[in-house]
Every structure is written in C-alpha cells, then in structure tokens.
Amino acid sequence: MTSTPGAHQEQCPRCGSKLVSIAWDERVNAQEVQNLWRCLNCKNEFVSLEVSKEEQQTSDAEITKPFFTSLVIE
C-alpha cells in the first residue's frame, strides 16, 4: 500500500506533531488496514486502523475462477 504525502491526517499522540510518516502497513482483513506511524519530531511510534466499508466481500470462487478456468480440459 502506498501513501501520498499530505493524504493522511494523523498526528503524534505524544507531542501532537503532524510531522509523521507511515513506516509499515498490514491488511488485517478485507475491510481493515493497520498502519505503523513514526513521528519525525519526537521519534514516537504508534498504530492506527483504517476501516473501509465500501469494499465488498469477494468469495473464494470469484478469486480463483480467473486462475483455474484455463486449466480445465474438456
């Protein structure tokens, strides 16, 4: 996942600075992404959770269909 400069509104919970950068992110599930932030001012690290309600659930069959349909021999 990439982050564009100025696209986040995070601020350091320790010093209140908005000079933070994303150091790491991880998809927790289909709707949630966990981000690790680092404050450039006081070097504090903290985690935030992004929740997306717009994303629809995709079934396993929908995910695997494009990959396995070409392997079927009739």
PDB file of N, CA and C in Angstrom:
ATOM      1  N   MET A   1       0.847  -1.173   0.000  1.00  0.00           N
ATOM      2  CA  MET A   1       0.000   0.000   0.000  1.00  0.00           C
ATOM      3  C   MET A   1       0.887   1.228   0.000  1.00  0.00           C
ATOM      4  N   THR A   2       0.542   2.187  -0.796  1.00  0.00           N
ATOM      5  CA  THR A   2       1.342   3.400  -0.846  1.00  0.00           C
ATOM      6  C   THR A   2       0.563   4.540  -0.219  1.00  0.00           C
ATOM      7  N   SER A   3       1.282   5.492   0.264  1.00  0.00           N
ATOM      8  CA  SER A   3       0.679   6.659   0.876  1.00  0.00           C
ATOM      9  C   SER A   3       1.184   7.894   0.149  1.00  0.00           C
ATOM     10  N   THR A   4       0.275   8.782  -0.210  1.00  0.00           N
ATOM     11  CA  THR A   4       0.686  10.012  -0.860  1.00  0.00           C
ATOM     12  C   THR A   4       0.885  11.085   0.191  1.00  0.00           C
ATOM     13  N   PRO A   5       1.895  11.914   0.042  1.00  0.00           N
ATOM     14  CA  PRO A   5       2.163  12.960   1.025  1.00  0.00           C
ATOM     15  C   PRO A   5       0.947  13.865   1.211  1.00  0.00           C
ATOM     16  N   GLY A   6       0.625  14.128   2.466  1.00  0.00           N
ATOM     17  CA  GLY A   6      -0.485  15.015   2.767  1.00  0.00           C
ATOM     18  C   GLY A   6      -1.843  14.338   2.729  1.00  0.00           C
ATOM     19  N   ALA A   7      -1.895  13.036   2.418  1.00  0.00           N
ATOM     20  CA  ALA A   7      -3.173  12.343   2.315  1.00  0.00           C
ATOM     21  C   ALA A   7      -3.675  11.876   3.670  1.00  0.00           C
ATOM     22  N   HIS A   8      -2.828  11.859   4.681  1.00  0.00           N
ATOM     23  CA  HIS A   8      -3.251  11.399   5.998  1.00  0.00           C
ATOM     24  C   HIS A   8      -3.468  12.580   6.933  1.00  0.00           C
ATOM     25  N   GLN A   9      -4.234  12.325   7.978  1.00  0.00           N
ATOM     26  CA  GLN A   9      -4.499  13.364   8.968  1.00  0.00           C
ATOM     27  C   GLN A   9      -4.008  12.928  10.345  1.00  0.00           C
ATOM     28  N   GLU A  10      -3.053  12.010  10.377  1.00  0.00           N
ATOM     29  CA  GLU A  10      -2.542  11.518  11.653  1.00  0.00           C
ATOM     30  C   GLU A  10      -1.670  12.561  12.328  1.00  0.00           C
ATOM     31  N   GLN A  11      -1.676  12.504  13.650  1.00  0.00           N
ATOM     32  CA  GLN A  11      -0.746  13.323  14.411  1.00  0.00           C
ATOM     33  C   GLN A  11      -0.277  12.515  15.604  1.00  0.00           C
ATOM     34  N   CYS A  12       0.892  12.820  16.067  1.00  0.00           N
ATOM     35  CA  CYS A  12       1.519  12.080  17.149  1.00  0.00           C
ATOM     36  C   CYS A  12       0.721  12.231  18.444  1.00  0.00           C
ATOM     37  N   PRO A  13       0.361  11.108  19.089  1.00  0.00           N
ATOM     38  CA  PRO A  13      -0.372  11.206  20.351  1.00  0.00           C
ATOM     39  C   PRO A  13       0.499  11.702  21.509  1.00  0.00           C
ATOM     40  N   ARG A  14       1.819  11.629  21.374  1.00  0.00           N
ATOM     41  CA  ARG A  14       2.721  12.068  22.444  1.00  0.00           C
ATOM     42  C   ARG A  14       2.965  13.572  22.401  1.00  0.00           C
ATOM     43  N   CYS A  15       3.363  14.095  21.225  1.00  0.00           N
ATOM     44  CA  CYS A  15       3.743  15.516  21.159  1.00  0.00           C
ATOM     45  C   CYS A  15       2.764  16.368  20.334  1.00  0.00           C
ATOM     46  N   GLY A  16       1.823  15.722  19.611  1.00  0.00           N
ATOM     47  CA  GLY A  16       0.838  16.468  18.831  1.00  0.00           C
ATOM     48  C   GLY A  16       1.320  16.911  17.460  1.00  0.00           C
ATOM     49  N   SER A  17       2.542  16.566  17.094  1.00  0.00           N
ATOM     50  CA  SER A  17       3.091  16.967  15.808  1.00  0.00           C
ATOM     51  C   SER A  17       2.386  16.253  14.658  1.00  0.00           C
ATOM     52  N   LYS A  18       2.226  16.959  13.550  1.00  0.00           N
ATOM     53  CA  LYS A  18       1.669  16.351  12.351  1.00  0.00           C
ATOM     54  C   LYS A  18       2.780  15.893  11.402  1.00  0.00           C
ATOM     55  N   LEU A  19       4.034  15.984  11.859  1.00  0.00           N
ATOM     56  CA  LEU A  19       5.166  15.525  11.063  1.00  0.00           C
ATOM     57  C   LEU A  19       5.369  14.036  11.320  1.00  0.00           C
ATOM     58  N   VAL A  20       4.463  13.221  10.777  1.00  0.00           N
ATOM     59  CA  VAL A  20       4.532  11.777  10.943  1.00  0.00           C
ATOM     60  C   VAL A  20       4.638  11.119   9.576  1.00  0.00           C
ATOM     61  N   SER A  21       5.283   9.969   9.544  1.00  0.00           N
ATOM     62  CA  SER A  21       5.383   9.218   8.288  1.00  0.00           C
ATOM     63  C   SER A  21       4.990   7.772   8.543  1.00  0.00           C
ATOM     64  N   ILE A  22       4.388   7.172   7.528  1.00  0.00           N
ATOM     65  CA  ILE A  22       3.977   5.779   7.656  1.00  0.00           C
ATOM     66  C   ILE A  22       5.216   4.907   7.464  1.00  0.00           C
ATOM     67  N   ALA A  23       5.459   4.029   8.413  1.00  0.00           N
ATOM     68  CA  ALA A  23       6.634   3.165   8.368  1.00  0.00           C
ATOM     69  C   ALA A  23       6.282   1.771   7.864  1.00  0.00           C
ATOM     70  N   TRP A  24       5.024   1.365   8.056  1.00  0.00           N
ATOM     71  CA  TRP A  24       4.647  -0.005   7.750  1.00  0.00           C
ATOM     72  C   TRP A  24       3.129  -0.091   7.728  1.00  0.00           C
ATOM     73  N   ASP A  25       2.590  -0.976   6.896  1.00  0.00           N
ATOM     74  CA  ASP A  25       1.152  -1.229   6.928  1.00  0.00           C
ATOM     75  C   ASP A  25       0.887  -2.701   6.671  1.00  0.00           C
ATOM     76  N   GLU A  26      -0.266  -3.166   7.155  1.00  0.00           N
ATOM     77  CA  GLU A  26      -0.630  -4.570   7.019  1.00  0.00           C
ATOM     78  C   GLU A  26      -2.143  -4.684   6.897  1.00  0.00           C
ATOM     79  N   ARG A  27      -2.588  -5.464   5.915  1.00  0.00           N
ATOM     80  CA  ARG A  27      -4.018  -5.715   5.777  1.00  0.00           C
ATOM     81  C   ARG A  27      -4.406  -6.754   6.819  1.00  0.00           C
ATOM     82  N   VAL A  28      -5.332  -6.387   7.704  1.00  0.00           N
ATOM     83  CA  VAL A  28      -5.800  -7.268   8.763  1.00  0.00           C
ATOM     84  C   VAL A  28      -6.864  -8.215   8.208  1.00  0.00           C
ATOM     85  N   ASN A  29      -7.780  -7.665   7.428  1.00  0.00           N
ATOM     86  CA  ASN A  29      -8.812  -8.439   6.742  1.00  0.00           C
ATOM     87  C   ASN A  29      -9.285  -7.604   5.554  1.00  0.00           C
ATOM     88  N   ALA A  30     -10.386  -8.017   4.925  1.00  0.00           N
ATOM     89  CA  ALA A  30     -10.845  -7.340   3.702  1.00  0.00           C
ATOM     90  C   ALA A  30     -11.211  -5.874   3.933  1.00  0.00           C
ATOM     91  N   GLN A  31     -11.581  -5.503   5.142  1.00  0.00           N
ATOM     92  CA  GLN A  31     -12.014  -4.131   5.407  1.00  0.00           C
ATOM     93  C   GLN A  31     -11.036  -3.305   6.241  1.00  0.00           C
ATOM     94  N   GLU A  32     -10.013  -3.921   6.830  1.00  0.00           N
ATOM     95  CA  GLU A  32      -9.163  -3.195   7.768  1.00  0.00           C
ATOM     96  C   GLU A  32      -7.680  -3.239   7.379  1.00  0.00           C
ATOM     97  N   VAL A  33      -7.035  -2.089   7.511  1.00  0.00           N
ATOM     98  CA  VAL A  33      -5.594  -1.978   7.305  1.00  0.00           C
ATOM     99  C   VAL A  33      -5.006  -1.314   8.544  1.00  0.00           C
ATOM    100  N   GLN A  34      -3.966  -1.936   9.092  1.00  0.00           N
ATOM    101  CA  GLN A  34      -3.295  -1.410  10.268  1.00  0.00           C
ATOM    102  C   GLN A  34      -2.021  -0.702   9.809  1.00  0.00           C
ATOM    103  N   ASN A  35      -1.792   0.518  10.296  1.00  0.00           N
ATOM    104  CA  ASN A  35      -0.630   1.324   9.912  1.00  0.00           C
ATOM    105  C   ASN A  35       0.247   1.609  11.121  1.00  0.00           C
ATOM    106  N   LEU A  36       1.558   1.512  10.927  1.00  0.00           N
ATOM    107  CA  LEU A  36       2.520   1.921  11.946  1.00  0.00           C
ATOM    108  C   LEU A  36       3.096   3.256  11.514  1.00  0.00           C
ATOM    109  N   TRP A  37       2.999   4.256  12.376  1.00  0.00           N
ATOM    110  CA  TRP A  37       3.463   5.607  12.090  1.00  0.00           C
ATOM    111  C   TRP A  37       4.667   5.928  12.954  1.00  0.00           C
ATOM    112  N   ARG A  38       5.539   6.796  12.448  1.00  0.00           N
ATOM    113  CA  ARG A  38       6.679   7.310  13.208  1.00  0.00           C
ATOM    114  C   ARG A  38       6.626   8.826  13.199  1.00  0.00           C
ATOM    115  N   CYS A  39       6.765   9.401  14.362  1.00  0.00           N
ATOM    116  CA  CYS A  39       6.800  10.857  14.493  1.00  0.00           C
ATOM    117  C   CYS A  39       8.212  11.336  14.187  1.00  0.00           C
ATOM    118  N   LEU A  40       8.323  12.291  13.288  1.00  0.00           N
ATOM    119  CA  LEU A  40       9.629  12.836  12.929  1.00  0.00           C
ATOM    120  C   LEU A  40      10.136  13.830  13.972  1.00  0.00           C
ATOM    121  N   ASN A  41       9.233  14.293  14.837  1.00  0.00           N
ATOM    122  CA  ASN A  41       9.582  15.270  15.854  1.00  0.00           C
ATOM    123  C   ASN A  41      10.148  14.603  17.118  1.00  0.00           C
ATOM    124  N   CYS A  42       9.412  13.627  17.691  1.00  0.00           N
ATOM    125  CA  CYS A  42       9.835  13.021  18.960  1.00  0.00           C
ATOM    126  C   CYS A  42      10.201  11.540  18.830  1.00  0.00           C
ATOM    127  N   LYS A  43      10.141  10.989  17.613  1.00  0.00           N
ATOM    128  CA  LYS A  43      10.509   9.595  17.318  1.00  0.00           C
ATOM    129  C   LYS A  43       9.538   8.571  17.922  1.00  0.00           C
ATOM    130  N   ASN A  44       8.363   9.005  18.351  1.00  0.00           N
ATOM    131  CA  ASN A  44       7.337   8.098  18.868  1.00  0.00           C
ATOM    132  C   ASN A  44       6.784   7.237  17.733  1.00  0.00           C
ATOM    133  N   GLU A  45       6.410   5.999  18.021  1.00  0.00           N
ATOM    134  CA  GLU A  45       5.746   5.124  17.059  1.00  0.00           C
ATOM    135  C   GLU A  45       4.356   4.803  17.580  1.00  0.00           C
ATOM    136  N   PHE A  46       3.368   4.796  16.677  1.00  0.00           N
ATOM    137  CA  PHE A  46       2.005   4.477  17.071  1.00  0.00           C
ATOM    138  C   PHE A  46       1.275   3.822  15.911  1.00  0.00           C
ATOM    139  N   VAL A  47       0.190   3.123  16.231  1.00  0.00           N
ATOM    140  CA  VAL A  47      -0.562   2.340  15.255  1.00  0.00           C
ATOM    141  C   VAL A  47      -1.943   2.953  15.069  1.00  0.00           C
ATOM    142  N   SER A  48      -2.407   2.974  13.808  1.00  0.00           N
ATOM    143  CA  SER A  48      -3.784   3.382  13.521  1.00  0.00           C
ATOM    144  C   SER A  48      -4.442   2.285  12.696  1.00  0.00           C
ATOM    145  N   LEU A  49      -5.753   2.279  12.687  1.00  0.00           N
ATOM    146  CA  LEU A  49      -6.519   1.280  11.961  1.00  0.00           C
ATOM    147  C   LEU A  49      -7.453   1.984  10.994  1.00  0.00           C
ATOM    148  N   GLU A  50      -7.335   1.661   9.700  1.00  0.00           N
ATOM    149  CA  GLU A  50      -8.229   2.199   8.671  1.00  0.00           C
ATOM    150  C   GLU A  50      -9.296   1.153   8.375  1.00  0.00           C
ATOM    151  N   VAL A  51     -10.552   1.573   8.404  1.00  0.00           N
ATOM    152  CA  VAL A  51     -11.651   0.660   8.119  1.00  0.00           C
ATOM    153  C   VAL A  51     -12.367   1.142   6.868  1.00  0.00           C
ATOM    154  N   SER A  52     -12.482   0.255   5.881  1.00  0.00           N
ATOM    155  CA  SER A  52     -13.163   0.578   4.630  1.00  0.00           C
ATOM    156  C   SER A  52     -14.494  -0.161   4.591  1.00  0.00           C
ATOM    157  N   LYS A  53     -15.581   0.592   4.542  1.00  0.00           N
ATOM    158  CA  LYS A  53     -16.913  -0.013   4.485  1.00  0.00           C
ATOM    159  C   LYS A  53     -17.395  -0.169   3.057  1.00  0.00           C
ATOM    160  N   GLU A  54     -16.667   0.412   2.100  1.00  0.00           N
ATOM    161  CA  GLU A  54     -17.077   0.365   0.702  1.00  0.00           C
ATOM    162  C   GLU A  54     -16.694  -0.939   0.020  1.00  0.00           C
ATOM    163  N   GLU A  55     -15.685  -1.613   0.542  1.00  0.00           N
ATOM    164  CA  GLU A  55     -15.181  -2.825  -0.088  1.00  0.00           C
ATOM    165  C   GLU A  55     -16.170  -3.967   0.106  1.00  0.00           C
ATOM    166  N   GLN A  56     -16.470  -4.678  -0.970  1.00  0.00           N
ATOM    167  CA  GLN A  56     -17.401  -5.786  -0.914  1.00  0.00           C
ATOM    168  C   GLN A  56     -16.649  -7.082  -0.660  1.00  0.00           C
ATOM    169  N   GLN A  57     -17.331  -8.014  -0.003  1.00  0.00           N
ATOM    170  CA  GLN A  57     -16.756  -9.325   0.226  1.00  0.00           C
ATOM    171  C   GLN A  57     -16.659 -10.075  -1.096  1.00  0.00           C
ATOM    172  N   THR A  58     -15.543 -10.698  -1.351  1.00  0.00           N
ATOM    173  CA  THR A  58     -15.334 -11.486  -2.558  1.00  0.00           C
ATOM    174  C   THR A  58     -15.218 -12.950  -2.152  1.00  0.00           C
ATOM    175  N   SER A  59     -15.967 -13.805  -2.815  1.00  0.00           N
ATOM    176  CA  SER A  59     -15.934 -15.222  -2.479  1.00  0.00           C
ATOM    177  C   SER A  59     -14.659 -15.867  -3.008  1.00  0.00           C
ATOM    178  N   ASP A  60     -14.311 -17.009  -2.430  1.00  0.00           N
ATOM    179  CA  ASP A  60     -13.142 -17.755  -2.889  1.00  0.00           C
ATOM    180  C   ASP A  60     -13.295 -18.164  -4.347  1.00  0.00           C
ATOM    181  N   ALA A  61     -14.502 -18.518  -4.750  1.00  0.00           N
ATOM    182  CA  ALA A  61     -14.752 -18.931  -6.133  1.00  0.00           C
ATOM    183  C   ALA A  61     -14.478 -17.784  -7.105  1.00  0.00           C
ATOM    184  N   GLU A  62     -14.859 -16.556  -6.740  1.00  0.00           N
ATOM    185  CA  GLU A  62     -14.616 -15.399  -7.601  1.00  0.00           C
ATOM    186  C   GLU A  62     -13.125 -15.090  -7.729  1.00  0.00           C
ATOM    187  N   ILE A  63     -12.384 -15.333  -6.671  1.00  0.00           N
ATOM    188  CA  ILE A  63     -10.949 -15.062  -6.687  1.00  0.00           C
ATOM    189  C   ILE A  63     -10.217 -16.104  -7.534  1.00  0.00           C
ATOM    190  N   THR A  64     -10.568 -17.369  -7.385  1.00  0.00           N
ATOM    191  CA  THR A  64      -9.837 -18.438  -8.065  1.00  0.00           C
ATOM    192  C   THR A  64     -10.300 -18.696  -9.492  1.00  0.00           C
ATOM    193  N   LYS A  65     -11.491 -18.275  -9.863  1.00  0.00           N
ATOM    194  CA  LYS A  65     -12.020 -18.555 -11.198  1.00  0.00           C
ATOM    195  C   LYS A  65     -11.084 -18.103 -12.327  1.00  0.00           C
ATOM    196  N   PRO A  66     -10.565 -16.894 -12.345  1.00  0.00           N
ATOM    197  CA  PRO A  66      -9.691 -16.476 -13.449  1.00  0.00           C
ATOM    198  C   PRO A  66      -8.421 -17.316 -13.576  1.00  0.00           C
ATOM    199  N   PHE A  67      -7.975 -17.904 -12.476  1.00  0.00           N
ATOM    200  CA  PHE A  67      -6.739 -18.669 -12.494  1.00  0.00           C
ATOM    201  C   PHE A  67      -6.930 -20.114 -12.912  1.00  0.00           C
ATOM    202  N   PHE A  68      -8.046 -20.711 -12.540  1.00  0.00           N
ATOM    203  CA  PHE A  68      -8.217 -22.141 -12.752  1.00  0.00           C
ATOM    204  C   PHE A  68      -9.083 -22.511 -13.959  1.00  0.00           C
ATOM    205  N   THR A  69      -9.836 -21.580 -14.521  1.00  0.00           N
ATOM    206  CA  THR A  69     -10.682 -21.928 -15.666  1.00  0.00           C
ATOM    207  C   THR A  69      -9.855 -22.300 -16.891  1.00  0.00           C
ATOM    208  N   SER A  70      -8.669 -21.750 -17.031  1.00  0.00           N
ATOM    209  CA  SER A  70      -7.831 -22.083 -18.169  1.00  0.00           C
ATOM    210  C   SER A  70      -7.184 -23.458 -18.030  1.00  0.00           C
ATOM    211  N   LEU A  71      -7.226 -24.029 -16.846  1.00  0.00           N
ATOM    212  CA  LEU A  71      -6.623 -25.344 -16.618  1.00  0.00           C
ATOM    213  C   LEU A  71      -7.588 -26.498 -16.869  1.00  0.00           C
ATOM    214  N   VAL A  72      -8.861 -26.195 -17.043  1.00  0.00           N
ATOM    215  CA  VAL A  72      -9.863 -27.238 -17.234  1.00  0.00           C
ATOM    216  C   VAL A  72      -9.765 -27.776 -18.661  1.00  0.00           C
ATOM    217  N   ILE A  73      -9.644 -29.100 -18.773  1.00  0.00           N
ATOM    218  CA  ILE A  73      -9.573 -29.757 -20.080  1.00  0.00           C
ATOM    219  C   ILE A  73     -10.857 -30.542 -20.273  1.00  0.00           C
ATOM    220  N   GLU A  74     -11.531 -30.292 -21.368  1.00  0.00           N
ATOM    221  CA  GLU A  74     -12.801 -30.986 -21.635  1.00  0.00           C
ATOM    222  C   GLU A  74     -12.641 -31.947 -22.771  1.00  0.00           C
TER     223      GLU A  74
END
